[in-house]
N, C-alpha and C. Protein backbone atom coordinates (compact mmCIF):
# COMPACT_ATOMS: atom_id res chain seq x y z
N MET A 1 48.01 56.20 -136.03
CA MET A 1 46.68 56.06 -135.52
C MET A 1 46.22 54.61 -135.53
N ARG A 2 46.45 53.92 -136.71
CA ARG A 2 46.06 52.53 -136.77
C ARG A 2 46.80 51.67 -135.77
N ALA A 3 48.10 52.00 -135.57
CA ALA A 3 48.89 51.18 -134.62
C ALA A 3 48.35 51.34 -133.20
N VAL A 4 47.93 52.58 -132.84
CA VAL A 4 47.37 52.78 -131.51
C VAL A 4 46.06 52.00 -131.36
N ALA A 5 45.20 52.06 -132.37
CA ALA A 5 43.94 51.34 -132.32
C ALA A 5 44.17 49.85 -132.20
N LEU A 6 45.16 49.32 -132.97
CA LEU A 6 45.47 47.90 -132.92
C LEU A 6 46.01 47.54 -131.54
N ALA A 7 46.85 48.36 -130.96
CA ALA A 7 47.39 48.06 -129.64
C ALA A 7 46.29 48.03 -128.60
N LEU A 8 45.37 48.99 -128.67
CA LEU A 8 44.26 49.01 -127.71
C LEU A 8 43.36 47.79 -127.90
N LEU A 9 43.14 47.41 -129.16
CA LEU A 9 42.31 46.24 -129.44
C LEU A 9 42.94 44.98 -128.88
N LEU A 10 44.24 44.86 -129.01
CA LEU A 10 44.91 43.65 -128.57
C LEU A 10 45.13 43.63 -127.03
N ALA A 11 45.04 44.77 -126.40
CA ALA A 11 45.26 44.84 -124.95
C ALA A 11 44.23 44.12 -124.16
N GLY A 12 42.98 44.17 -124.60
CA GLY A 12 41.88 43.52 -123.88
C GLY A 12 42.03 42.05 -123.66
N PRO A 13 42.21 41.24 -124.73
CA PRO A 13 42.33 39.81 -124.55
C PRO A 13 43.58 39.38 -123.78
N ALA A 14 44.58 40.20 -123.72
CA ALA A 14 45.81 39.83 -123.02
C ALA A 14 45.54 39.65 -121.56
N ALA A 15 44.60 40.41 -120.99
CA ALA A 15 44.33 40.33 -119.57
C ALA A 15 43.74 38.98 -119.22
N ALA A 16 43.10 38.32 -120.12
CA ALA A 16 42.45 37.02 -119.87
C ALA A 16 43.47 35.89 -119.85
N GLN A 17 44.63 36.11 -120.35
CA GLN A 17 45.64 35.06 -120.43
C GLN A 17 46.56 35.09 -119.22
N ASP A 18 47.07 33.94 -118.83
CA ASP A 18 48.06 33.87 -117.75
C ASP A 18 49.44 34.29 -118.26
N GLY A 19 49.69 34.14 -119.46
CA GLY A 19 51.01 34.47 -120.05
C GLY A 19 51.01 34.03 -121.50
N PRO A 20 52.14 34.19 -122.15
CA PRO A 20 52.20 33.76 -123.54
C PRO A 20 52.09 32.25 -123.68
N PRO A 21 51.62 31.80 -124.83
CA PRO A 21 51.55 30.35 -125.07
C PRO A 21 52.98 29.78 -125.08
N PRO A 22 53.12 28.51 -124.78
CA PRO A 22 54.45 27.91 -124.85
C PRO A 22 54.94 27.86 -126.29
N PHE A 23 56.16 28.25 -126.50
CA PHE A 23 56.76 28.26 -127.83
C PHE A 23 57.97 27.34 -127.86
N ASP A 24 58.04 26.48 -128.85
CA ASP A 24 59.14 25.54 -128.97
C ASP A 24 59.64 25.66 -130.41
N ALA A 25 60.95 25.97 -130.54
CA ALA A 25 61.54 26.13 -131.88
C ALA A 25 61.83 24.76 -132.49
N GLY A 26 61.61 23.68 -131.77
CA GLY A 26 61.96 22.32 -132.23
C GLY A 26 61.40 21.96 -133.59
N PRO A 27 60.12 22.19 -133.88
CA PRO A 27 59.62 21.79 -135.21
C PRO A 27 60.38 22.49 -136.35
N LEU A 28 60.72 23.75 -136.17
CA LEU A 28 61.45 24.47 -137.20
C LEU A 28 62.86 23.93 -137.33
N THR A 29 63.51 23.78 -136.21
CA THR A 29 64.91 23.28 -136.20
C THR A 29 65.00 21.90 -136.84
N ALA A 30 64.08 21.00 -136.44
CA ALA A 30 64.09 19.64 -137.00
C ALA A 30 63.86 19.66 -138.50
N CYS A 31 62.96 20.48 -138.95
CA CYS A 31 62.69 20.58 -140.38
C CYS A 31 63.90 21.11 -141.15
N LEU A 32 64.55 22.15 -140.63
CA LEU A 32 65.70 22.71 -141.32
C LEU A 32 66.89 21.76 -141.32
N GLU A 33 66.97 20.90 -140.34
CA GLU A 33 68.06 19.91 -140.29
C GLU A 33 67.74 18.65 -141.10
N GLY A 34 66.51 18.52 -141.52
CA GLY A 34 66.07 17.36 -142.28
C GLY A 34 66.26 17.53 -143.78
N ASP A 35 65.57 16.69 -144.53
CA ASP A 35 65.69 16.66 -145.98
C ASP A 35 64.64 17.47 -146.70
N ALA A 36 63.68 18.06 -145.95
CA ALA A 36 62.59 18.83 -146.57
C ALA A 36 63.14 20.12 -147.17
N PRO A 37 62.52 20.58 -148.24
CA PRO A 37 62.91 21.92 -148.73
C PRO A 37 62.77 22.94 -147.62
N ALA A 38 63.75 23.82 -147.49
CA ALA A 38 63.78 24.77 -146.37
C ALA A 38 62.54 25.65 -146.33
N ASP A 39 62.00 26.03 -147.48
CA ASP A 39 60.83 26.90 -147.45
C ASP A 39 59.60 26.18 -146.92
N SER A 40 59.61 24.87 -146.90
CA SER A 40 58.46 24.14 -146.32
C SER A 40 58.50 24.16 -144.80
N CYS A 41 59.58 24.67 -144.22
CA CYS A 41 59.72 24.74 -142.78
C CYS A 41 59.12 26.01 -142.22
N ILE A 42 58.85 26.97 -143.07
CA ILE A 42 58.35 28.28 -142.63
C ILE A 42 57.01 28.10 -141.96
N GLY A 43 56.90 28.57 -140.75
CA GLY A 43 55.64 28.55 -139.99
C GLY A 43 55.39 27.33 -139.15
N LEU A 44 56.27 26.35 -139.18
CA LEU A 44 56.02 25.10 -138.44
C LEU A 44 55.98 25.32 -136.93
N ALA A 45 56.94 26.07 -136.39
CA ALA A 45 56.97 26.31 -134.96
C ALA A 45 55.81 27.20 -134.54
N ALA A 46 55.50 28.20 -135.32
CA ALA A 46 54.36 29.06 -134.99
C ALA A 46 53.05 28.28 -135.00
N THR A 47 52.88 27.43 -136.00
CA THR A 47 51.66 26.61 -136.08
C THR A 47 51.53 25.73 -134.86
N ALA A 48 52.59 25.05 -134.46
CA ALA A 48 52.55 24.17 -133.31
C ALA A 48 52.20 25.00 -132.05
N CYS A 49 52.77 26.17 -131.94
CA CYS A 49 52.48 27.06 -130.81
C CYS A 49 51.01 27.47 -130.78
N MET A 50 50.46 27.83 -131.97
CA MET A 50 49.09 28.30 -132.03
C MET A 50 48.10 27.15 -131.76
N GLU A 51 48.51 25.92 -131.91
CA GLU A 51 47.66 24.77 -131.63
C GLU A 51 47.63 24.45 -130.15
N GLY A 52 48.54 25.07 -129.40
CA GLY A 52 48.59 24.82 -127.96
C GLY A 52 47.72 25.76 -127.17
N ALA A 53 47.90 25.70 -125.84
CA ALA A 53 47.11 26.51 -124.91
C ALA A 53 47.31 28.00 -125.19
N ASP A 54 46.21 28.72 -125.30
CA ASP A 54 46.19 30.15 -125.51
C ASP A 54 46.77 30.59 -126.87
N GLY A 55 47.10 29.65 -127.72
CA GLY A 55 47.65 30.00 -129.01
C GLY A 55 46.64 30.39 -130.02
N GLN A 56 45.38 30.16 -129.74
CA GLN A 56 44.31 30.46 -130.70
C GLN A 56 43.70 31.84 -130.49
N THR A 57 44.11 32.53 -129.46
CA THR A 57 43.63 33.90 -129.22
C THR A 57 44.37 34.84 -130.17
N THR A 58 43.85 36.00 -130.38
CA THR A 58 44.55 36.98 -131.20
C THR A 58 45.93 37.28 -130.65
N VAL A 59 46.00 37.50 -129.37
CA VAL A 59 47.30 37.79 -128.73
C VAL A 59 48.21 36.59 -128.84
N GLY A 60 47.67 35.40 -128.60
CA GLY A 60 48.48 34.19 -128.69
C GLY A 60 49.02 33.98 -130.09
N MET A 61 48.18 34.19 -131.10
CA MET A 61 48.66 34.05 -132.47
C MET A 61 49.79 35.05 -132.75
N GLY A 62 49.61 36.26 -132.33
CA GLY A 62 50.64 37.30 -132.53
C GLY A 62 51.94 36.88 -131.84
N PHE A 63 51.84 36.34 -130.64
CA PHE A 63 53.06 35.91 -129.92
C PHE A 63 53.73 34.77 -130.66
N CYS A 64 52.98 33.76 -131.07
CA CYS A 64 53.56 32.58 -131.72
C CYS A 64 54.23 32.96 -133.06
N LEU A 65 53.53 33.75 -133.84
CA LEU A 65 54.08 34.21 -135.14
C LEU A 65 55.30 35.07 -134.92
N GLY A 66 55.23 35.94 -133.93
CA GLY A 66 56.37 36.80 -133.66
C GLY A 66 57.60 36.04 -133.14
N ALA A 67 57.33 35.00 -132.33
CA ALA A 67 58.45 34.21 -131.81
C ALA A 67 59.19 33.49 -132.93
N GLU A 68 58.45 32.94 -133.90
CA GLU A 68 59.13 32.28 -135.02
C GLU A 68 59.78 33.33 -135.94
N ARG A 69 59.11 34.44 -136.13
CA ARG A 69 59.74 35.51 -136.94
C ARG A 69 61.07 35.89 -136.37
N ASP A 70 61.16 35.98 -135.02
CA ASP A 70 62.44 36.36 -134.40
C ASP A 70 63.53 35.32 -134.70
N LEU A 71 63.14 34.05 -134.74
CA LEU A 71 64.15 33.00 -135.10
C LEU A 71 64.67 33.22 -136.52
N TRP A 72 63.75 33.49 -137.41
CA TRP A 72 64.16 33.74 -138.82
C TRP A 72 64.95 35.01 -138.94
N ASP A 73 64.58 36.03 -138.16
CA ASP A 73 65.31 37.32 -138.19
C ASP A 73 66.73 37.11 -137.74
N ASP A 74 66.97 36.27 -136.74
CA ASP A 74 68.32 35.96 -136.31
C ASP A 74 69.10 35.28 -137.44
N ARG A 75 68.45 34.35 -138.12
CA ARG A 75 69.11 33.68 -139.26
C ARG A 75 69.41 34.69 -140.37
N LEU A 76 68.46 35.58 -140.64
CA LEU A 76 68.66 36.58 -141.67
C LEU A 76 69.85 37.48 -141.29
N ASN A 77 69.90 37.96 -140.05
CA ASN A 77 70.99 38.85 -139.65
C ASN A 77 72.32 38.15 -139.70
N THR A 78 72.39 36.86 -139.35
CA THR A 78 73.61 36.10 -139.44
C THR A 78 74.09 35.98 -140.89
N ALA A 79 73.15 35.66 -141.76
CA ALA A 79 73.47 35.52 -143.17
C ALA A 79 73.93 36.84 -143.77
N TYR A 80 73.20 37.92 -143.45
CA TYR A 80 73.54 39.25 -143.95
C TYR A 80 74.94 39.65 -143.48
N GLY A 81 75.25 39.41 -142.19
CA GLY A 81 76.57 39.77 -141.68
C GLY A 81 77.68 39.01 -142.40
N ALA A 82 77.48 37.71 -142.60
CA ALA A 82 78.48 36.94 -143.30
C ALA A 82 78.64 37.36 -144.76
N LEU A 83 77.52 37.68 -145.42
CA LEU A 83 77.59 38.17 -146.79
C LEU A 83 78.30 39.51 -146.86
N MET A 84 78.01 40.38 -145.88
CA MET A 84 78.64 41.70 -145.88
C MET A 84 80.16 41.56 -145.72
N GLU A 85 80.60 40.69 -144.83
CA GLU A 85 82.02 40.45 -144.67
C GLU A 85 82.65 39.95 -145.98
N ARG A 86 81.96 39.02 -146.63
CA ARG A 86 82.47 38.48 -147.89
C ARG A 86 82.49 39.56 -148.97
N ALA A 87 81.43 40.38 -149.03
CA ALA A 87 81.37 41.45 -150.02
C ALA A 87 82.46 42.48 -149.80
N GLN A 88 82.71 42.82 -148.55
CA GLN A 88 83.75 43.82 -148.27
C GLN A 88 85.13 43.26 -148.62
N ALA A 89 85.37 41.99 -148.35
CA ALA A 89 86.65 41.38 -148.72
C ALA A 89 86.83 41.34 -150.21
N THR A 90 85.75 40.99 -150.92
CA THR A 90 85.80 40.97 -152.37
C THR A 90 86.05 42.35 -152.92
N ASP A 91 85.35 43.35 -152.37
CA ASP A 91 85.56 44.73 -152.85
C ASP A 91 86.99 45.20 -152.64
N ALA A 92 87.58 44.86 -151.46
CA ALA A 92 88.96 45.22 -151.20
C ALA A 92 89.91 44.55 -152.19
N GLU A 93 89.66 43.29 -152.44
CA GLU A 93 90.49 42.55 -153.40
C GLU A 93 90.38 43.15 -154.82
N MET A 94 89.16 43.42 -155.21
CA MET A 94 88.96 44.01 -156.55
C MET A 94 89.60 45.40 -156.67
N THR A 95 89.51 46.19 -155.62
CA THR A 95 90.15 47.51 -155.62
C THR A 95 91.64 47.33 -155.75
N GLY A 96 92.21 46.39 -154.98
CA GLY A 96 93.64 46.13 -155.05
C GLY A 96 94.10 45.68 -156.43
N LEU A 97 93.23 45.05 -157.16
CA LEU A 97 93.57 44.61 -158.52
C LEU A 97 93.36 45.72 -159.55
N GLY A 98 92.80 46.83 -159.08
CA GLY A 98 92.52 47.94 -160.03
C GLY A 98 91.24 47.75 -160.84
N SER A 99 90.34 46.92 -160.37
CA SER A 99 89.12 46.63 -161.10
C SER A 99 88.17 47.83 -161.05
N SER A 100 87.42 48.00 -162.12
CA SER A 100 86.42 49.04 -162.16
C SER A 100 85.01 48.47 -161.89
N ALA A 101 84.96 47.23 -161.44
CA ALA A 101 83.66 46.61 -161.16
C ALA A 101 82.98 47.36 -160.01
N ALA A 102 81.65 47.42 -160.09
CA ALA A 102 80.89 48.05 -159.01
C ALA A 102 81.09 47.27 -157.72
N PRO A 103 81.23 47.97 -156.59
CA PRO A 103 81.43 47.27 -155.32
C PRO A 103 80.18 46.56 -154.87
N GLN A 104 80.37 45.40 -154.22
CA GLN A 104 79.25 44.59 -153.77
C GLN A 104 78.66 45.05 -152.44
N ALA A 105 79.47 45.49 -151.51
CA ALA A 105 78.95 45.82 -150.17
C ALA A 105 77.89 46.91 -150.20
N PRO A 106 78.09 48.01 -150.91
CA PRO A 106 77.04 49.02 -150.92
C PRO A 106 75.76 48.52 -151.62
N ALA A 107 75.89 47.68 -152.61
CA ALA A 107 74.72 47.13 -153.28
C ALA A 107 73.95 46.21 -152.35
N LEU A 108 74.66 45.41 -151.59
CA LEU A 108 74.02 44.52 -150.62
C LEU A 108 73.29 45.32 -149.53
N ARG A 109 73.93 46.36 -149.04
CA ARG A 109 73.32 47.21 -147.99
C ARG A 109 72.06 47.88 -148.55
N GLU A 110 72.13 48.43 -149.74
CA GLU A 110 70.97 49.08 -150.36
C GLU A 110 69.84 48.09 -150.62
N MET A 111 70.19 46.91 -151.09
CA MET A 111 69.20 45.88 -151.34
C MET A 111 68.47 45.52 -150.06
N GLN A 112 69.20 45.34 -148.97
CA GLN A 112 68.58 44.94 -147.73
C GLN A 112 67.73 46.05 -147.16
N ARG A 113 68.14 47.28 -147.25
CA ARG A 113 67.31 48.40 -146.82
C ARG A 113 66.04 48.47 -147.62
N ASP A 114 66.13 48.29 -148.90
CA ASP A 114 64.95 48.34 -149.77
C ASP A 114 64.01 47.16 -149.45
N TRP A 115 64.60 45.97 -149.14
CA TRP A 115 63.79 44.83 -148.78
C TRP A 115 63.01 45.12 -147.46
N ILE A 116 63.66 45.72 -146.50
CA ILE A 116 62.98 46.08 -145.23
C ILE A 116 61.78 46.99 -145.52
N ALA A 117 61.98 47.98 -146.36
CA ALA A 117 60.87 48.88 -146.70
C ALA A 117 59.74 48.11 -147.39
N TYR A 118 60.11 47.19 -148.30
CA TYR A 118 59.12 46.36 -148.96
C TYR A 118 58.37 45.50 -147.97
N ARG A 119 59.09 44.83 -147.10
CA ARG A 119 58.43 43.96 -146.09
C ARG A 119 57.45 44.75 -145.25
N ASP A 120 57.89 45.92 -144.79
CA ASP A 120 57.02 46.74 -143.94
C ASP A 120 55.75 47.20 -144.69
N ALA A 121 55.91 47.59 -145.93
CA ALA A 121 54.77 48.03 -146.74
C ALA A 121 53.84 46.85 -147.06
N ALA A 122 54.40 45.69 -147.41
CA ALA A 122 53.58 44.57 -147.73
C ALA A 122 52.80 44.09 -146.53
N CYS A 123 53.39 44.14 -145.34
CA CYS A 123 52.71 43.65 -144.15
C CYS A 123 51.70 44.67 -143.65
N GLU A 124 51.94 45.93 -143.91
CA GLU A 124 50.94 46.96 -143.58
C GLU A 124 49.71 46.74 -144.44
N TYR A 125 49.93 46.41 -145.72
CA TYR A 125 48.81 46.11 -146.60
C TYR A 125 47.99 44.91 -146.10
N GLU A 126 48.73 43.87 -145.67
CA GLU A 126 48.02 42.69 -145.13
C GLU A 126 47.14 43.12 -143.93
N ALA A 127 47.63 44.00 -143.08
CA ALA A 127 46.88 44.44 -141.91
C ALA A 127 45.64 45.25 -142.33
N VAL A 128 45.79 46.17 -143.23
CA VAL A 128 44.68 47.06 -143.56
C VAL A 128 43.58 46.32 -144.34
N ARG A 129 43.91 45.20 -144.92
CA ARG A 129 42.89 44.42 -145.62
C ARG A 129 41.84 43.93 -144.67
N TRP A 130 42.13 43.91 -143.37
CA TRP A 130 41.18 43.45 -142.37
C TRP A 130 40.22 44.53 -141.91
N GLY A 131 40.36 45.72 -142.49
CA GLY A 131 39.41 46.80 -142.19
C GLY A 131 39.28 47.11 -140.71
N GLY A 132 40.34 47.03 -139.95
CA GLY A 132 40.30 47.34 -138.54
C GLY A 132 39.90 46.18 -137.66
N GLY A 133 39.67 45.02 -138.27
CA GLY A 133 39.27 43.85 -137.46
C GLY A 133 40.40 43.25 -136.68
N THR A 134 40.07 42.31 -135.81
CA THR A 134 41.07 41.72 -134.93
C THR A 134 42.06 40.82 -135.70
N GLY A 135 41.73 40.44 -136.87
CA GLY A 135 42.64 39.62 -137.66
C GLY A 135 43.83 40.38 -138.23
N ALA A 136 43.80 41.71 -138.12
CA ALA A 136 44.88 42.52 -138.71
C ALA A 136 46.24 42.21 -138.10
N GLY A 137 46.26 42.09 -136.79
CA GLY A 137 47.55 41.84 -136.11
C GLY A 137 48.16 40.47 -136.53
N PRO A 138 47.38 39.39 -136.41
CA PRO A 138 47.95 38.11 -136.84
C PRO A 138 48.30 38.10 -138.34
N ALA A 139 47.53 38.77 -139.17
CA ALA A 139 47.81 38.79 -140.60
C ALA A 139 49.12 39.50 -140.86
N ALA A 140 49.35 40.60 -140.20
CA ALA A 140 50.62 41.33 -140.34
C ALA A 140 51.79 40.51 -139.79
N ALA A 141 51.56 39.83 -138.67
CA ALA A 141 52.61 39.01 -138.06
C ALA A 141 52.95 37.83 -138.98
N GLN A 142 51.95 37.21 -139.57
CA GLN A 142 52.21 36.08 -140.52
C GLN A 142 52.99 36.60 -141.70
N CYS A 143 52.63 37.75 -142.21
CA CYS A 143 53.34 38.33 -143.33
C CYS A 143 54.80 38.56 -142.99
N ALA A 144 55.05 39.16 -141.83
CA ALA A 144 56.43 39.47 -141.41
C ALA A 144 57.24 38.17 -141.25
N LEU A 145 56.61 37.18 -140.68
CA LEU A 145 57.25 35.87 -140.52
C LEU A 145 57.62 35.28 -141.87
N THR A 146 56.68 35.23 -142.77
CA THR A 146 56.91 34.60 -144.08
C THR A 146 57.97 35.34 -144.89
N LEU A 147 57.84 36.64 -144.94
CA LEU A 147 58.81 37.42 -145.75
C LEU A 147 60.21 37.39 -145.15
N THR A 148 60.29 37.43 -143.81
CA THR A 148 61.60 37.38 -143.15
C THR A 148 62.24 36.02 -143.40
N ALA A 149 61.47 34.96 -143.28
CA ALA A 149 61.98 33.62 -143.52
C ALA A 149 62.51 33.47 -144.94
N ARG A 150 61.72 33.93 -145.89
CA ARG A 150 62.14 33.82 -147.30
C ARG A 150 63.43 34.62 -147.54
N GLN A 151 63.54 35.78 -146.97
CA GLN A 151 64.75 36.59 -147.14
C GLN A 151 65.94 35.91 -146.47
N ALA A 152 65.74 35.33 -145.30
CA ALA A 152 66.83 34.61 -144.62
C ALA A 152 67.31 33.44 -145.48
N LEU A 153 66.38 32.71 -146.04
CA LEU A 153 66.74 31.58 -146.90
C LEU A 153 67.46 32.05 -148.19
N TRP A 154 67.00 33.13 -148.76
CA TRP A 154 67.59 33.66 -149.95
C TRP A 154 69.01 34.14 -149.71
N LEU A 155 69.20 34.94 -148.67
CA LEU A 155 70.54 35.39 -148.33
C LEU A 155 71.43 34.24 -147.94
N GLY A 156 70.87 33.29 -147.19
CA GLY A 156 71.65 32.12 -146.81
C GLY A 156 72.13 31.32 -148.00
N GLY A 157 71.33 31.33 -149.06
CA GLY A 157 71.71 30.60 -150.26
C GLY A 157 72.99 31.13 -150.86
N TYR A 158 73.31 32.38 -150.67
CA TYR A 158 74.55 32.93 -151.21
C TYR A 158 75.76 32.42 -150.43
N LEU A 159 75.54 31.90 -149.24
CA LEU A 159 76.63 31.42 -148.43
C LEU A 159 77.02 29.97 -148.75
N VAL A 160 76.16 29.32 -149.52
CA VAL A 160 76.40 27.94 -149.94
C VAL A 160 77.63 27.96 -150.89
N GLU A 161 78.48 26.97 -150.71
CA GLU A 161 79.67 26.83 -151.55
C GLU A 161 79.35 27.03 -153.03
N GLY A 162 80.12 27.89 -153.67
CA GLY A 162 80.01 28.03 -155.12
C GLY A 162 79.06 29.14 -155.56
N ARG A 163 78.45 29.87 -154.59
CA ARG A 163 77.54 30.93 -155.02
C ARG A 163 78.13 32.26 -154.76
């Protein structure tokens, strides 16, 4: 019910726009390639997008935040896939050695599924805090962006040599 109301609420302002605001991944990419702590890069591309034409509308904010979230989601999925391959190889090696250690791959899969449930619940809470107001959509989108970025960075940290 809330999702339908939110969709109807967001549908009105969309008609006034010519299209989505321009989005450039450059600020995020440059930050991640630089010397700044990676977590300080979270939100840079979305912020630049929201400062541009049509980026300050509710629909524009949702678009900008969602576009950056998608970039982080791609990074998260890449890191998860690489970790899963590594975990499966380790599990096979450990099984071959006769180890009784708990396997990594199922634990990684369960952790990620639980994280998805946490992210969804946390961002729903962010939305409902707005009491049905127009800020609910951008608040939930900001939440999804931030939590997805943090998870991508955390999983990516395991891919660093020696971890």
